[in-house]
Each structure stands twice: as C-alpha cells, then as structure tokens.
C-alpha atoms as a PDB file:
ATOM      1  CA  UNK A   1     -21.320  -2.086  -2.896  1.00  0.00           C
ATOM      2  CA  UNK A   2     -19.421  -3.886  -0.201  1.00  0.00           C
ATOM      3  CA  UNK A   3     -15.615  -3.060  -0.588  1.00  0.00           C
ATOM      4  CA  UNK A   4     -13.149  -5.097   1.627  1.00  0.00           C
ATOM      5  CA  UNK A   5      -9.244  -5.123   1.793  1.00  0.00           C
ATOM      6  CA  UNK A   6      -8.112  -8.730   2.573  1.00  0.00           C
ATOM      7  CA  UNK A   7      -4.529 -10.013   3.336  1.00  0.00           C
ATOM      8  CA  UNK A   8      -3.713 -13.085   1.375  1.00  0.00           C
ATOM      9  CA  UNK A   9      -0.427 -14.076   2.747  1.00  0.00           C
ATOM     10  CA  UNK A  10       0.017 -17.374   1.018  1.00  0.00           C
ATOM     11  CA  UNK A  11      -0.322 -15.328  -2.443  1.00  0.00           C
ATOM     12  CA  UNK A  12       2.023 -12.622  -1.096  1.00  0.00           C
ATOM     13  CA  UNK A  13      -0.693  -9.877  -1.603  1.00  0.00           C
ATOM     14  CA  UNK A  14      -3.502  -7.935  -0.409  1.00  0.00           C
ATOM     15  CA  UNK A  15      -6.690  -8.044  -2.455  1.00  0.00           C
ATOM     16  CA  UNK A  16      -9.521  -5.546  -2.483  1.00  0.00           C
ATOM     17  CA  UNK A  17     -12.864  -7.250  -3.190  1.00  0.00           C
ATOM     18  CA  UNK A  18     -16.036  -5.508  -4.373  1.00  0.00           C
ATOM     19  CA  UNK A  19     -19.029  -7.822  -3.554  1.00  0.00           C
ATOM     20  CA  UNK A  20     -16.753 -10.874  -3.191  1.00  0.00           C
ATOM     21  CA  UNK A  21     -14.985 -10.195  -6.650  1.00  0.00           C
ATOM     22  CA  UNK A  22     -11.223  -9.572  -6.536  1.00  0.00           C
ATOM     23  CA  UNK A  23     -10.804  -6.140  -8.334  1.00  0.00           C
ATOM     24  CA  UNK A  24      -7.374  -5.230  -7.312  1.00  0.00           C
ATOM     25  CA  UNK A  25      -4.297  -6.235  -5.581  1.00  0.00           C
ATOM     26  CA  UNK A  26      -1.195  -5.024  -3.770  1.00  0.00           C
ATOM     27  CA  UNK A  27       1.830  -7.559  -3.919  1.00  0.00           C
ATOM     28  CA  UNK A  28       4.120  -7.400  -0.828  1.00  0.00           C
ATOM     29  CA  UNK A  29       7.076  -9.341   0.661  1.00  0.00           C
ATOM     30  CA  UNK A  30       7.790  -9.142   4.451  1.00  0.00           C
ATOM     31  CA  UNK A  31      11.441  -9.513   5.589  1.00  0.00           C
ATOM     32  CA  UNK A  32      12.036  -9.046   9.226  1.00  0.00           C
ATOM     33  CA  UNK A  33      10.400  -5.808  10.205  1.00  0.00           C
ATOM     34  CA  UNK A  34      10.136  -4.390   6.653  1.00  0.00           C
ATOM     35  CA  UNK A  35       7.300  -4.845   3.952  1.00  0.00           C
ATOM     36  CA  UNK A  36       8.383  -4.320   0.434  1.00  0.00           C
ATOM     37  CA  UNK A  37       5.611  -3.098  -1.864  1.00  0.00           C
ATOM     38  CA  UNK A  38       6.627  -3.460  -5.438  1.00  0.00           C
ATOM     39  CA  UNK A  39       3.222  -3.402  -7.296  1.00  0.00           C
ATOM     40  CA  UNK A  40      -0.443  -2.582  -7.166  1.00  0.00           C
ATOM     41  CA  UNK A  41      -3.103  -2.935  -9.811  1.00  0.00           C
ATOM     42  CA  UNK A  42      -6.797  -2.454 -10.170  1.00  0.00           C
ATOM     43  CA  UNK A  43      -9.186  -3.692 -12.784  1.00  0.00           C
ATOM     44  CA  UNK A  44      -9.569  -1.019 -15.214  1.00  0.00           C
ATOM     45  CA  UNK A  45     -13.343  -1.783 -15.522  1.00  0.00           C
ATOM     46  CA  UNK A  46     -13.764  -0.458 -11.935  1.00  0.00           C
ATOM     47  CA  UNK A  47     -11.317   2.563 -12.155  1.00  0.00           C
ATOM     48  CA  UNK A  48     -12.388   6.022 -10.898  1.00  0.00           C
ATOM     49  CA  UNK A  49     -14.199   4.752  -7.839  1.00  0.00           C
ATOM     50  CA  UNK A  50     -11.281   5.155  -5.374  1.00  0.00           C
ATOM     51  CA  UNK A  51     -10.594   1.510  -5.101  1.00  0.00           C
ATOM     52  CA  UNK A  52      -6.842   1.753  -5.498  1.00  0.00           C
ATOM     53  CA  UNK A  53      -6.768   4.440  -2.721  1.00  0.00           C
ATOM     54  CA  UNK A  54      -8.929   2.203  -0.462  1.00  0.00           C
ATOM     55  CA  UNK A  55      -6.441  -0.616  -1.119  1.00  0.00           C
ATOM     56  CA  UNK A  56      -3.420   1.282  -0.439  1.00  0.00           C
ATOM     57  CA  UNK A  57      -4.835   2.762   2.743  1.00  0.00           C
ATOM     58  CA  UNK A  58      -5.729  -0.649   3.912  1.00  0.00           C
ATOM     59  CA  UNK A  59      -2.223  -2.023   3.278  1.00  0.00           C
ATOM     60  CA  UNK A  60      -0.520   0.864   5.065  1.00  0.00           C
ATOM     61  CA  UNK A  61      -2.807   0.503   7.949  1.00  0.00           C
ATOM     62  CA  UNK A  62      -1.961  -3.211   8.204  1.00  0.00           C
ATOM     63  CA  UNK A  63       1.730  -2.347   8.050  1.00  0.00           C
ATOM     64  CA  UNK A  64       1.415   0.203  10.820  1.00  0.00           C
ATOM     65  CA  UNK A  65      -0.636  -2.402  12.973  1.00  0.00           C
ATOM     66  CA  UNK A  66       2.184  -4.998  12.461  1.00  0.00           C
ATOM     67  CA  UNK A  67       4.871  -2.331  13.364  1.00  0.00           C
ATOM     68  CA  UNK A  68       6.471  -2.702  10.024  1.00  0.00           C
ATOM     69  CA  UNK A  69       8.234  -0.174   7.896  1.00  0.00           C
ATOM     70  CA  UNK A  70       7.437  -0.086   4.232  1.00  0.00           C
ATOM     71  CA  UNK A  71       9.595   0.187   1.034  1.00  0.00           C
ATOM     72  CA  UNK A  72       7.331   1.734  -1.472  1.00  0.00           C
ATOM     73  CA  UNK A  73       8.699   0.851  -4.889  1.00  0.00           C
ATOM     74  CA  UNK A  74       5.135   0.956  -6.368  1.00  0.00           C
ATOM     75  CA  UNK A  75       4.691   4.654  -7.673  1.00  0.00           C
ATOM     76  CA  UNK A  76       0.938   4.495  -6.593  1.00  0.00           C
ATOM     77  CA  UNK A  77       1.785   3.639  -2.982  1.00  0.00           C
ATOM     78  CA  UNK A  78       4.590   6.305  -3.196  1.00  0.00           C
ATOM     79  CA  UNK A  79       2.430   8.950  -4.451  1.00  0.00           C
ATOM     80  CA  UNK A  80      -0.284   8.071  -1.834  1.00  0.00           C
ATOM     81  CA  UNK A  81       2.403   8.490   0.950  1.00  0.00           C
ATOM     82  CA  UNK A  82       3.428  11.831  -0.411  1.00  0.00           C
ATOM     83  CA  UNK A  83      -0.099  13.095  -0.506  1.00  0.00           C
ATOM     84  CA  UNK A  84      -0.642  11.815   3.148  1.00  0.00           C
ATOM     85  CA  UNK A  85       2.508  13.062   5.004  1.00  0.00           C
ATOM     86  CA  UNK A  86       1.316  11.613   8.228  1.00  0.00           C
ATOM     87  CA  UNK A  87       2.235   8.367   6.875  1.00  0.00           C
ATOM     88  CA  UNK A  88       5.698   9.056   5.807  1.00  0.00           C
ATOM     89  CA  UNK A  89       7.011   7.682   9.136  1.00  0.00           C
ATOM     90  CA  UNK A  90       6.156   4.127   7.708  1.00  0.00           C
ATOM     91  CA  UNK A  91       9.041   4.626   5.683  1.00  0.00           C
ATOM     92  CA  UNK A  92      12.447   4.463   7.507  1.00  0.00           C
ATOM     93  CA  UNK A  93      14.197   7.786   7.649  1.00  0.00           C
ATOM     94  CA  UNK A  94      17.210   6.316   5.865  1.00  0.00           C
ATOM     95  CA  UNK A  95      15.083   4.965   3.016  1.00  0.00           C
ATOM     96  CA  UNK A  96      12.986   8.213   2.450  1.00  0.00           C
ATOM     97  CA  UNK A  97      15.609   9.793   0.055  1.00  0.00           C
ATOM     98  CA  UNK A  98      15.565   6.784  -2.276  1.00  0.00           C
ATOM     99  CA  UNK A  99      11.758   7.176  -2.721  1.00  0.00           C
ATOM    100  CA  UNK A 100      11.748  11.013  -2.851  1.00  0.00           C
ATOM    101  CA  UNK A 101      10.118  11.270   0.500  1.00  0.00           C
ATOM    102  CA  UNK A 102      12.917  13.150   2.274  1.00  0.00           C
ATOM    103  CA  UNK A 103      11.049  16.251   2.660  1.00  0.00           C
ATOM    104  CA  UNK A 104       7.484  14.915   2.826  1.00  0.00           C
ATOM    105  CA  UNK A 105       7.334  15.027   6.572  1.00  0.00           C
ATOM    106  CA  UNK A 106       8.093  18.782   6.888  1.00  0.00           C
END
C-alpha cells in the first residue's frame, strides 16, 4: 500500500493517494503568509487506516516548510493540532483563541 500526500495547487487542495487513487483531500487557500484550511475529507471506504491523519500531517508539514501560518477552520485539522501541541505555533498567537488553541501550547 503506497500512500502519498500531493499538493495540487491548481485545484486548491492537497490530495492523499493510495496506490495512485485519490482517497482524500484537504482544501486550502494561501493569502500572503497564511494558509486557510476549511475542509478535509476521506473516502469512507478506506476509513480507519490513518489516512486522514497522514493527510493532515502532510499538509501541516508543507505549511511549515513554506513558512506559512495556518487558519484551521476544519475541525479535523484543529483537533489534530490540539493533539500535537508542538504544532500550535503554526497558528498565529492572535488567532489561537478563535480556534480554541490558546492553551494548547502550555
């Protein structure tokens, strides 16, 4: 099983591919130095394999590599950041209270 997270900027999304088949996506929009993340979805037929987690990790890694902050409007991404406090710095300090992340880095 080959799993790969791929940025598809012309479609405004990251895709996660399982053996060359798109099984999930995370939509995004970049404005200046901020990546807005409104939505993720994974094919329910492949649920329970950690595909969503792998997708989100890839998206957040890409944001960090590009020096971007994120606005995690997607509840799945927000929950992932809450579970990985080392990533809370990807959300600008002023934006953390809006996403319930004001204490995630303590």
